[in-house]
Full PDB file with SEQRES, HELIX, SHEET, SSBOND, CRYST1, ORIGX, SCALE, CONECT and MASTER records, all heavy atoms in Angstrom:
SEQRES   1 A   35  ASP MET LYS HIS LEU ALA GLN ILE PHE GLY GLY ALA ARG          
SEQRES   2 A   35  THR GLY PRO PRO PHE TYR VAL THR LEU PHE THR GLU PHE          
SEQRES   3 A   35  SER THR TYR PRO CYS VAL ASP ASN GLU                          
HELIX    1 AA1 MET A    2  PHE A    9  1                                   8    
HELIX    2 AA2 PHE A   26  THR A   28  5                                   3    
CRYST1    1.000    1.000    1.000  90.00  90.00  90.00 P 1           1          
ORIGX1      1.000000  0.000000  0.000000        0.00000                         
ORIGX2      0.000000  1.000000  0.000000        0.00000                         
ORIGX3      0.000000  0.000000  1.000000        0.00000                         
SCALE1      1.000000  0.000000  0.000000        0.00000                         
SCALE2      0.000000  1.000000  0.000000        0.00000                         
SCALE3      0.000000  0.000000  1.000000        0.00000                         
ATOM      1  N   ASP A   1       0.830  -1.258  -0.004  1.00  0.00           N  
ATOM      2  CA  ASP A   1       0.010  -0.004  -0.049  1.00  0.00           C  
ATOM      3  C   ASP A   1       0.852   1.277  -0.006  1.00  0.00           C  
ATOM      4  O   ASP A   1       0.423   2.267  -0.596  1.00  0.00           O  
ATOM      5  CB  ASP A   1      -0.951  -0.001   1.159  1.00  0.00           C  
ATOM      6  CG  ASP A   1      -2.037  -1.070   1.094  1.00  0.00           C  
ATOM      7  OD1 ASP A   1      -2.266  -1.578   0.001  1.00  0.00           O  
ATOM      8  OD2 ASP A   1      -2.609  -1.440   2.167  1.00  0.00           O  
ATOM      9  N   MET A   2       2.039   1.189   0.618  1.00  0.00           N  
ATOM     10  CA  MET A   2       2.896   2.421   0.604  1.00  0.00           C  
ATOM     11  C   MET A   2       3.439   2.563  -0.866  1.00  0.00           C  
ATOM     12  O   MET A   2       3.601   3.720  -1.249  1.00  0.00           O  
ATOM     13  CB  MET A   2       4.091   2.223   1.563  1.00  0.00           C  
ATOM     14  CG  MET A   2       3.665   2.314   3.024  1.00  0.00           C  
ATOM     15  SD  MET A   2       2.820   3.881   3.488  1.00  0.00           S  
ATOM     16  CE  MET A   2       1.043   3.450   3.337  1.00  0.00           C  
ATOM     17  N   LYS A   3       3.658   1.559  -1.591  1.00  0.00           N  
ATOM     18  CA  LYS A   3       4.043   1.660  -2.978  1.00  0.00           C  
ATOM     19  C   LYS A   3       2.897   2.348  -3.769  1.00  0.00           C  
ATOM     20  O   LYS A   3       3.142   3.199  -4.547  1.00  0.00           O  
ATOM     21  CB  LYS A   3       4.358   0.310  -3.625  1.00  0.00           C  
ATOM     22  CG  LYS A   3       4.779   0.358  -5.013  1.00  0.00           C  
ATOM     23  CD  LYS A   3       5.150  -1.012  -5.589  1.00  0.00           C  
ATOM     24  CE  LYS A   3       5.570  -0.969  -7.068  1.00  0.00           C  
ATOM     25  NZ  LYS A   3       5.929  -2.276  -7.596  1.00  0.00           N  
ATOM     26  N   HIS A   4       1.694   1.886  -3.542  1.00  0.00           N  
ATOM     27  CA  HIS A   4       0.543   2.481  -4.173  1.00  0.00           C  
ATOM     28  C   HIS A   4       0.378   3.954  -3.864  1.00  0.00           C  
ATOM     29  O   HIS A   4       0.159   4.793  -4.688  1.00  0.00           O  
ATOM     30  CB  HIS A   4      -0.724   1.675  -3.725  1.00  0.00           C  
ATOM     31  CG  HIS A   4      -1.914   1.897  -4.545  1.00  0.00           C  
ATOM     32  ND1 HIS A   4      -3.023   1.038  -4.487  1.00  0.00           N  
ATOM     33  CD2 HIS A   4      -2.314   2.904  -5.391  1.00  0.00           C  
ATOM     34  CE1 HIS A   4      -3.978   1.543  -5.247  1.00  0.00           C  
ATOM     35  NE2 HIS A   4      -3.582   2.656  -5.806  1.00  0.00           N  
ATOM     36  N   LEU A   5       0.561   4.263  -2.561  1.00  0.00           N  
ATOM     37  CA  LEU A   5       0.496   5.706  -2.113  1.00  0.00           C  
ATOM     38  C   LEU A   5       1.497   6.522  -2.812  1.00  0.00           C  
ATOM     39  O   LEU A   5       1.202   7.655  -3.314  1.00  0.00           O  
ATOM     40  CB  LEU A   5       0.738   5.707  -0.606  1.00  0.00           C  
ATOM     41  CG  LEU A   5       0.371   7.030   0.055  1.00  0.00           C  
ATOM     42  CD1 LEU A   5      -1.090   7.218   0.343  1.00  0.00           C  
ATOM     43  CD2 LEU A   5       1.162   7.173   1.440  1.00  0.00           C  
ATOM     44  N   ALA A   6       2.775   6.017  -2.950  1.00  0.00           N  
ATOM     45  CA  ALA A   6       3.789   6.817  -3.555  1.00  0.00           C  
ATOM     46  C   ALA A   6       3.527   7.044  -5.021  1.00  0.00           C  
ATOM     47  O   ALA A   6       3.831   8.090  -5.552  1.00  0.00           O  
ATOM     48  CB  ALA A   6       5.115   6.096  -3.352  1.00  0.00           C  
ATOM     49  N   GLN A   7       2.938   6.036  -5.636  1.00  0.00           N  
ATOM     50  CA  GLN A   7       2.635   6.182  -7.101  1.00  0.00           C  
ATOM     51  C   GLN A   7       1.504   7.163  -7.334  1.00  0.00           C  
ATOM     52  O   GLN A   7       1.445   7.773  -8.458  1.00  0.00           O  
ATOM     53  CB  GLN A   7       2.304   4.798  -7.690  1.00  0.00           C  
ATOM     54  CG  GLN A   7       3.519   3.897  -7.724  1.00  0.00           C  
ATOM     55  CD  GLN A   7       3.181   2.413  -8.082  1.00  0.00           C  
ATOM     56  OE1 GLN A   7       2.007   1.992  -7.990  1.00  0.00           O  
ATOM     57  NE2 GLN A   7       4.151   1.688  -8.528  1.00  0.00           N  
ATOM     58  N   ILE A   8       0.626   7.380  -6.381  1.00  0.00           N  
ATOM     59  CA  ILE A   8      -0.417   8.405  -6.487  1.00  0.00           C  
ATOM     60  C   ILE A   8       0.140   9.803  -6.237  1.00  0.00           C  
ATOM     61  O   ILE A   8      -0.136  10.714  -7.044  1.00  0.00           O  
ATOM     62  CB  ILE A   8      -1.599   8.109  -5.522  1.00  0.00           C  
ATOM     63  CG1 ILE A   8      -2.320   6.779  -5.950  1.00  0.00           C  
ATOM     64  CG2 ILE A   8      -2.568   9.255  -5.430  1.00  0.00           C  
ATOM     65  CD1 ILE A   8      -3.344   6.373  -4.927  1.00  0.00           C  
ATOM     66  N   PHE A   9       0.888   9.965  -5.187  1.00  0.00           N  
ATOM     67  CA  PHE A   9       1.270  11.264  -4.680  1.00  0.00           C  
ATOM     68  C   PHE A   9       2.651  11.736  -5.180  1.00  0.00           C  
ATOM     69  O   PHE A   9       2.975  12.934  -4.975  1.00  0.00           O  
ATOM     70  CB  PHE A   9       1.189  11.268  -3.175  1.00  0.00           C  
ATOM     71  CG  PHE A   9      -0.133  11.350  -2.607  1.00  0.00           C  
ATOM     72  CD1 PHE A   9      -0.765  10.137  -2.194  1.00  0.00           C  
ATOM     73  CD2 PHE A   9      -0.838  12.534  -2.428  1.00  0.00           C  
ATOM     74  CE1 PHE A   9      -2.090  10.124  -1.701  1.00  0.00           C  
ATOM     75  CE2 PHE A   9      -2.121  12.545  -1.881  1.00  0.00           C  
ATOM     76  CZ  PHE A   9      -2.725  11.314  -1.540  1.00  0.00           C  
ATOM     77  N   GLY A  10       3.432  10.846  -5.704  1.00  0.00           N  
ATOM     78  CA  GLY A  10       4.778  11.249  -6.088  1.00  0.00           C  
ATOM     79  C   GLY A  10       4.836  12.249  -7.209  1.00  0.00           C  
ATOM     80  O   GLY A  10       3.931  12.262  -8.130  1.00  0.00           O  
ATOM     81  N   GLY A  11       5.826  13.188  -7.203  1.00  0.00           N  
ATOM     82  CA  GLY A  11       5.979  14.207  -8.170  1.00  0.00           C  
ATOM     83  C   GLY A  11       7.370  14.217  -8.677  1.00  0.00           C  
ATOM     84  O   GLY A  11       8.232  13.401  -8.339  1.00  0.00           O  
ATOM     85  N   ALA A  12       7.707  15.252  -9.398  1.00  0.00           N  
ATOM     86  CA  ALA A  12       9.059  15.435  -9.964  1.00  0.00           C  
ATOM     87  C   ALA A  12      10.065  15.764  -8.888  1.00  0.00           C  
ATOM     88  O   ALA A  12       9.750  16.471  -7.880  1.00  0.00           O  
ATOM     89  CB  ALA A  12       9.066  16.615 -11.001  1.00  0.00           C  
ATOM     90  N   ARG A  13      11.221  15.257  -8.991  1.00  0.00           N  
ATOM     91  CA  ARG A  13      12.266  15.497  -7.983  1.00  0.00           C  
ATOM     92  C   ARG A  13      12.585  17.030  -7.850  1.00  0.00           C  
ATOM     93  O   ARG A  13      12.900  17.506  -6.738  1.00  0.00           O  
ATOM     94  CB  ARG A  13      13.586  14.830  -8.467  1.00  0.00           C  
ATOM     95  CG  ARG A  13      14.676  14.840  -7.420  1.00  0.00           C  
ATOM     96  CD  ARG A  13      15.971  14.172  -7.917  1.00  0.00           C  
ATOM     97  NE  ARG A  13      15.635  12.751  -8.373  1.00  0.00           N  
ATOM     98  CZ  ARG A  13      15.569  11.756  -7.544  1.00  0.00           C  
ATOM     99  NH1 ARG A  13      15.800  11.873  -6.194  1.00  0.00           N  
ATOM    100  NH2 ARG A  13      15.315  10.471  -8.012  1.00  0.00           N  
ATOM    101  N   THR A  14      12.461  17.777  -8.896  1.00  0.00           N  
ATOM    102  CA  THR A  14      12.714  19.210  -8.862  1.00  0.00           C  
ATOM    103  C   THR A  14      11.473  20.077  -8.523  1.00  0.00           C  
ATOM    104  O   THR A  14      11.613  21.278  -8.439  1.00  0.00           O  
ATOM    105  CB  THR A  14      13.299  19.664 -10.197  1.00  0.00           C  
ATOM    106  OG1 THR A  14      12.342  19.353 -11.256  1.00  0.00           O  
ATOM    107  CG2 THR A  14      14.615  19.028 -10.475  1.00  0.00           C  
ATOM    108  N   GLY A  15      10.330  19.391  -8.325  1.00  0.00           N  
ATOM    109  CA  GLY A  15       9.092  20.108  -7.984  1.00  0.00           C  
ATOM    110  C   GLY A  15       8.885  20.246  -6.524  1.00  0.00           C  
ATOM    111  O   GLY A  15       9.757  19.933  -5.671  1.00  0.00           O  
ATOM    112  N   PRO A  16       7.731  20.695  -6.099  1.00  0.00           N  
ATOM    113  CA  PRO A  16       7.365  20.788  -4.664  1.00  0.00           C  
ATOM    114  C   PRO A  16       7.427  19.422  -3.975  1.00  0.00           C  
ATOM    115  O   PRO A  16       7.269  18.409  -4.566  1.00  0.00           O  
ATOM    116  CB  PRO A  16       5.917  21.280  -4.676  1.00  0.00           C  
ATOM    117  CG  PRO A  16       5.747  22.010  -5.964  1.00  0.00           C  
ATOM    118  CD  PRO A  16       6.592  21.227  -6.926  1.00  0.00           C  
ATOM    119  N   PRO A  17       7.752  19.382  -2.701  1.00  0.00           N  
ATOM    120  CA  PRO A  17       7.992  18.151  -1.984  1.00  0.00           C  
ATOM    121  C   PRO A  17       6.699  17.359  -1.672  1.00  0.00           C  
ATOM    122  O   PRO A  17       5.636  17.976  -1.579  1.00  0.00           O  
ATOM    123  CB  PRO A  17       8.708  18.575  -0.671  1.00  0.00           C  
ATOM    124  CG  PRO A  17       8.286  19.963  -0.509  1.00  0.00           C  
ATOM    125  CD  PRO A  17       8.087  20.617  -1.868  1.00  0.00           C  
ATOM    126  N   PHE A  18       6.884  16.130  -1.436  1.00  0.00           N  
ATOM    127  CA  PHE A  18       5.813  15.225  -0.978  1.00  0.00           C  
ATOM    128  C   PHE A  18       6.305  14.690   0.360  1.00  0.00           C  
ATOM    129  O   PHE A  18       7.189  13.897   0.454  1.00  0.00           O  
ATOM    130  CB  PHE A  18       5.640  14.085  -2.024  1.00  0.00           C  
ATOM    131  CG  PHE A  18       4.896  12.830  -1.525  1.00  0.00           C  
ATOM    132  CD1 PHE A  18       3.794  12.977  -0.662  1.00  0.00           C  
ATOM    133  CD2 PHE A  18       5.174  11.566  -1.955  1.00  0.00           C  
ATOM    134  CE1 PHE A  18       3.032  11.905  -0.216  1.00  0.00           C  
ATOM    135  CE2 PHE A  18       4.468  10.497  -1.563  1.00  0.00           C  
ATOM    136  CZ  PHE A  18       3.413  10.663  -0.687  1.00  0.00           C  
ATOM    137  N   TYR A  19       5.650  15.204   1.440  1.00  0.00           N  
ATOM    138  CA  TYR A  19       5.991  14.735   2.805  1.00  0.00           C  
ATOM    139  C   TYR A  19       5.082  13.671   3.262  1.00  0.00           C  
ATOM    140  O   TYR A  19       3.869  13.642   3.036  1.00  0.00           O  
ATOM    141  CB  TYR A  19       5.832  15.921   3.748  1.00  0.00           C  
ATOM    142  CG  TYR A  19       6.764  17.150   3.475  1.00  0.00           C  
ATOM    143  CD1 TYR A  19       6.226  18.356   2.986  1.00  0.00           C  
ATOM    144  CD2 TYR A  19       8.112  17.012   3.710  1.00  0.00           C  
ATOM    145  CE1 TYR A  19       7.042  19.377   2.765  1.00  0.00           C  
ATOM    146  CE2 TYR A  19       8.972  18.119   3.418  1.00  0.00           C  
ATOM    147  CZ  TYR A  19       8.444  19.294   2.995  1.00  0.00           C  
ATOM    148  OH  TYR A  19       9.302  20.310   2.721  1.00  0.00           O  
ATOM    149  N   VAL A  20       5.680  12.693   3.939  1.00  0.00           N  
ATOM    150  CA  VAL A  20       4.850  11.541   4.537  1.00  0.00           C  
ATOM    151  C   VAL A  20       5.200  11.414   6.054  1.00  0.00           C  
ATOM    152  O   VAL A  20       6.383  11.353   6.393  1.00  0.00           O  
ATOM    153  CB  VAL A  20       5.164  10.213   3.861  1.00  0.00           C  
ATOM    154  CG1 VAL A  20       4.373   9.114   4.511  1.00  0.00           C  
ATOM    155  CG2 VAL A  20       4.910  10.327   2.395  1.00  0.00           C  
ATOM    156  N   THR A  21       4.175  11.449   6.826  1.00  0.00           N  
ATOM    157  CA  THR A  21       4.282  11.200   8.298  1.00  0.00           C  
ATOM    158  C   THR A  21       3.751   9.831   8.513  1.00  0.00           C  
ATOM    159  O   THR A  21       2.579   9.549   8.487  1.00  0.00           O  
ATOM    160  CB  THR A  21       3.519  12.218   9.183  1.00  0.00           C  
ATOM    161  OG1 THR A  21       4.027  13.558   8.915  1.00  0.00           O  
ATOM    162  CG2 THR A  21       3.551  11.878  10.645  1.00  0.00           C  
ATOM    163  N   LEU A  22       4.680   8.839   8.720  1.00  0.00           N  
ATOM    164  CA  LEU A  22       4.281   7.473   8.905  1.00  0.00           C  
ATOM    165  C   LEU A  22       3.964   7.170  10.400  1.00  0.00           C  
ATOM    166  O   LEU A  22       4.599   7.683  11.248  1.00  0.00           O  
ATOM    167  CB  LEU A  22       5.385   6.512   8.500  1.00  0.00           C  
ATOM    168  CG  LEU A  22       5.570   6.251   6.984  1.00  0.00           C  
ATOM    169  CD1 LEU A  22       6.805   5.366   6.744  1.00  0.00           C  
ATOM    170  CD2 LEU A  22       4.321   5.672   6.393  1.00  0.00           C  
ATOM    171  N   PHE A  23       2.952   6.291  10.595  1.00  0.00           N  
ATOM    172  CA  PHE A  23       2.612   5.729  11.874  1.00  0.00           C  
ATOM    173  C   PHE A  23       2.354   6.839  12.939  1.00  0.00           C  
ATOM    174  O   PHE A  23       2.832   6.802  14.079  1.00  0.00           O  
ATOM    175  CB  PHE A  23       3.715   4.832  12.411  1.00  0.00           C  
ATOM    176  CG  PHE A  23       4.117   3.706  11.457  1.00  0.00           C  
ATOM    177  CD1 PHE A  23       5.475   3.348  11.331  1.00  0.00           C  
ATOM    178  CD2 PHE A  23       3.197   2.999  10.838  1.00  0.00           C  
ATOM    179  CE1 PHE A  23       5.788   2.304  10.474  1.00  0.00           C  
ATOM    180  CE2 PHE A  23       3.555   1.934   9.913  1.00  0.00           C  
ATOM    181  CZ  PHE A  23       4.882   1.637   9.793  1.00  0.00           C  
ATOM    182  N   THR A  24       1.586   7.891  12.568  1.00  0.00           N  
ATOM    183  CA  THR A  24       1.361   8.921  13.549  1.00  0.00           C  
ATOM    184  C   THR A  24       0.768   8.410  14.807  1.00  0.00           C  
ATOM    185  O   THR A  24      -0.126   7.507  14.726  1.00  0.00           O  
ATOM    186  CB  THR A  24       0.540  10.080  12.935  1.00  0.00           C  
ATOM    187  OG1 THR A  24       0.573  11.234  13.824  1.00  0.00           O  
ATOM    188  CG2 THR A  24      -0.936   9.691  12.778  1.00  0.00           C  
ATOM    189  N   GLU A  25       1.197   8.917  15.971  1.00  0.00           N  
ATOM    190  CA  GLU A  25       0.767   8.461  17.289  1.00  0.00           C  
ATOM    191  C   GLU A  25       1.080   6.934  17.461  1.00  0.00           C  
ATOM    192  O   GLU A  25       0.330   6.229  18.143  1.00  0.00           O  
ATOM    193  CB  GLU A  25      -0.703   8.738  17.479  1.00  0.00           C  
ATOM    194  CG  GLU A  25      -1.090  10.138  17.343  1.00  0.00           C  
ATOM    195  CD  GLU A  25      -2.545  10.426  17.572  1.00  0.00           C  
ATOM    196  OE1 GLU A  25      -3.341   9.508  17.624  1.00  0.00           O  
ATOM    197  OE2 GLU A  25      -2.900  11.652  17.703  1.00  0.00           O  
ATOM    198  N   PHE A  26       2.221   6.476  16.877  1.00  0.00           N  
ATOM    199  CA  PHE A  26       2.517   5.087  16.867  1.00  0.00           C  
ATOM    200  C   PHE A  26       2.671   4.438  18.280  1.00  0.00           C  
ATOM    201  O   PHE A  26       2.565   3.231  18.437  1.00  0.00           O  
ATOM    202  CB  PHE A  26       3.871   4.779  16.127  1.00  0.00           C  
ATOM    203  CG  PHE A  26       5.134   5.350  16.785  1.00  0.00           C  
ATOM    204  CD1 PHE A  26       5.784   4.628  17.726  1.00  0.00           C  
ATOM    205  CD2 PHE A  26       5.565   6.670  16.582  1.00  0.00           C  
ATOM    206  CE1 PHE A  26       6.946   5.105  18.362  1.00  0.00           C  
ATOM    207  CE2 PHE A  26       6.652   7.183  17.179  1.00  0.00           C  
ATOM    208  CZ  PHE A  26       7.314   6.403  18.106  1.00  0.00           C  
ATOM    209  N   SER A  27       2.904   5.300  19.316  1.00  0.00           N  
ATOM    210  CA  SER A  27       3.075   4.750  20.613  1.00  0.00           C  
ATOM    211  C   SER A  27       1.700   4.254  21.192  1.00  0.00           C  
ATOM    212  O   SER A  27       1.686   3.685  22.319  1.00  0.00           O  
ATOM    213  CB  SER A  27       3.721   5.710  21.612  1.00  0.00           C  
ATOM    214  OG  SER A  27       2.937   6.881  21.745  1.00  0.00           O  
ATOM    215  N   THR A  28       0.579   4.449  20.427  1.00  0.00           N  
ATOM    216  CA  THR A  28      -0.721   3.890  20.812  1.00  0.00           C  
ATOM    217  C   THR A  28      -1.001   2.619  20.076  1.00  0.00           C  
ATOM    218  O   THR A  28      -2.063   2.056  20.240  1.00  0.00           O  
ATOM    219  CB  THR A  28      -1.801   4.888  20.612  1.00  0.00           C  
ATOM    220  OG1 THR A  28      -1.961   5.122  19.165  1.00  0.00           O  
ATOM    221  CG2 THR A  28      -1.532   6.243  21.326  1.00  0.00           C  
ATOM    222  N   TYR A  29      -0.124   2.133  19.234  1.00  0.00           N  
ATOM    223  CA  TYR A  29      -0.407   0.941  18.451  1.00  0.00           C  
ATOM    224  C   TYR A  29      -0.285  -0.341  19.190  1.00  0.00           C  
ATOM    225  O   TYR A  29      -1.034  -1.271  18.965  1.00  0.00           O  
ATOM    226  CB  TYR A  29       0.491   0.894  17.197  1.00  0.00           C  
ATOM    227  CG  TYR A  29       0.288   1.965  16.154  1.00  0.00           C  
ATOM    228  CD1 TYR A  29      -0.570   2.998  16.367  1.00  0.00           C  
ATOM    229  CD2 TYR A  29       0.911   1.869  14.920  1.00  0.00           C  
ATOM    230  CE1 TYR A  29      -0.769   4.012  15.406  1.00  0.00           C  
ATOM    231  CE2 TYR A  29       0.779   2.907  13.965  1.00  0.00           C  
ATOM    232  CZ  TYR A  29      -0.121   3.906  14.192  1.00  0.00           C  
ATOM    233  OH  TYR A  29      -0.290   4.939  13.278  1.00  0.00           O  
ATOM    234  N   PRO A  30       0.703  -0.462  20.153  1.00  0.00           N  
ATOM    235  CA  PRO A  30       0.766  -1.725  20.935  1.00  0.00           C  
ATOM    236  C   PRO A  30      -0.436  -1.847  21.856  1.00  0.00           C  
ATOM    237  O   PRO A  30      -1.170  -0.863  22.123  1.00  0.00           O  
ATOM    238  CB  PRO A  30       2.048  -1.617  21.681  1.00  0.00           C  
ATOM    239  CG  PRO A  30       2.812  -0.464  21.072  1.00  0.00           C  
ATOM    240  CD  PRO A  30       1.794   0.460  20.461  1.00  0.00           C  
ATOM    241  N   CYS A  31      -0.627  -3.013  22.442  1.00  0.00           N  
ATOM    242  CA  CYS A  31      -1.665  -3.199  23.389  1.00  0.00           C  
ATOM    243  C   CYS A  31      -1.496  -2.392  24.620  1.00  0.00           C  
ATOM    244  O   CYS A  31      -2.452  -1.971  25.347  1.00  0.00           O  
ATOM    245  CB  CYS A  31      -1.871  -4.651  23.728  1.00  0.00           C  
ATOM    246  SG  CYS A  31      -2.435  -5.653  22.297  1.00  0.00           S  
ATOM    247  N   VAL A  32      -0.209  -2.191  25.042  1.00  0.00           N  
ATOM    248  CA  VAL A  32       0.070  -1.291  26.181  1.00  0.00           C  
ATOM    249  C   VAL A  32       0.732  -0.043  25.550  1.00  0.00           C  
ATOM    250  O   VAL A  32       1.750  -0.138  24.933  1.00  0.00           O  
ATOM    251  CB  VAL A  32       1.038  -1.954  27.176  1.00  0.00           C  
ATOM    252  CG1 VAL A  32       1.423  -0.945  28.287  1.00  0.00           C  
ATOM    253  CG2 VAL A  32       0.438  -3.190  27.779  1.00  0.00           C  
ATOM    254  N   ASP A  33       0.118   1.134  25.798  1.00  0.00           N  
ATOM    255  CA  ASP A  33       0.524   2.353  25.150  1.00  0.00           C  
ATOM    256  C   ASP A  33       1.736   2.945  25.809  1.00  0.00           C  
ATOM    257  O   ASP A  33       1.939   2.873  27.043  1.00  0.00           O  
ATOM    258  CB  ASP A  33      -0.596   3.387  25.224  1.00  0.00           C  
ATOM    259  CG  ASP A  33      -1.788   3.032  24.363  1.00  0.00           C  
ATOM    260  OD1 ASP A  33      -1.717   2.071  23.565  1.00  0.00           O  
ATOM    261  OD2 ASP A  33      -2.864   3.645  24.513  1.00  0.00           O  
ATOM    262  N   ASN A  34       2.557   3.638  24.947  1.00  0.00           N  
ATOM    263  CA  ASN A  34       3.595   4.617  25.414  1.00  0.00           C  
ATOM    264  C   ASN A  34       4.699   4.021  26.296  1.00  0.00           C  
ATOM    265  O   ASN A  34       5.339   4.799  27.011  1.00  0.00           O  
ATOM    266  CB  ASN A  34       2.856   5.752  26.177  1.00  0.00           C  
ATOM    267  CG  ASN A  34       1.798   6.417  25.402  1.00  0.00           C  
ATOM    268  OD1 ASN A  34       1.996   6.829  24.276  1.00  0.00           O  
ATOM    269  ND2 ASN A  34       0.624   6.592  26.012  1.00  0.00           N  
ATOM    270  N   GLU A  35       4.891   2.727  26.274  1.00  0.00           N  
ATOM    271  CA  GLU A  35       6.002   2.111  27.118  1.00  0.00           C  
ATOM    272  C   GLU A  35       6.798   1.105  26.291  1.00  0.00           C  
ATOM    273  O   GLU A  35       6.269   0.130  25.788  1.00  0.00           O  
ATOM    274  CB  GLU A  35       5.398   1.345  28.284  1.00  0.00           C  
ATOM    275  CG  GLU A  35       4.687   2.198  29.301  1.00  0.00           C  
ATOM    276  CD  GLU A  35       4.040   1.450  30.492  1.00  0.00           C  
ATOM    277  OE1 GLU A  35       4.273   0.198  30.540  1.00  0.00           O  
ATOM    278  OE2 GLU A  35       3.414   2.059  31.308  1.00  0.00           O  
TER     279      GLU A  35                                                      
MASTER        0    0    0    2    0    0    0    6  278    1    0    3          
END                                                                             
């Protein structure tokens, strides 16, 4: 899916940037948060 995402949003190397914030709030993903 990240490959798919990049193929949709990717642009020219010399053009405006494409920023990706991966796994936002990732410390809530485990069953016990933030530890």
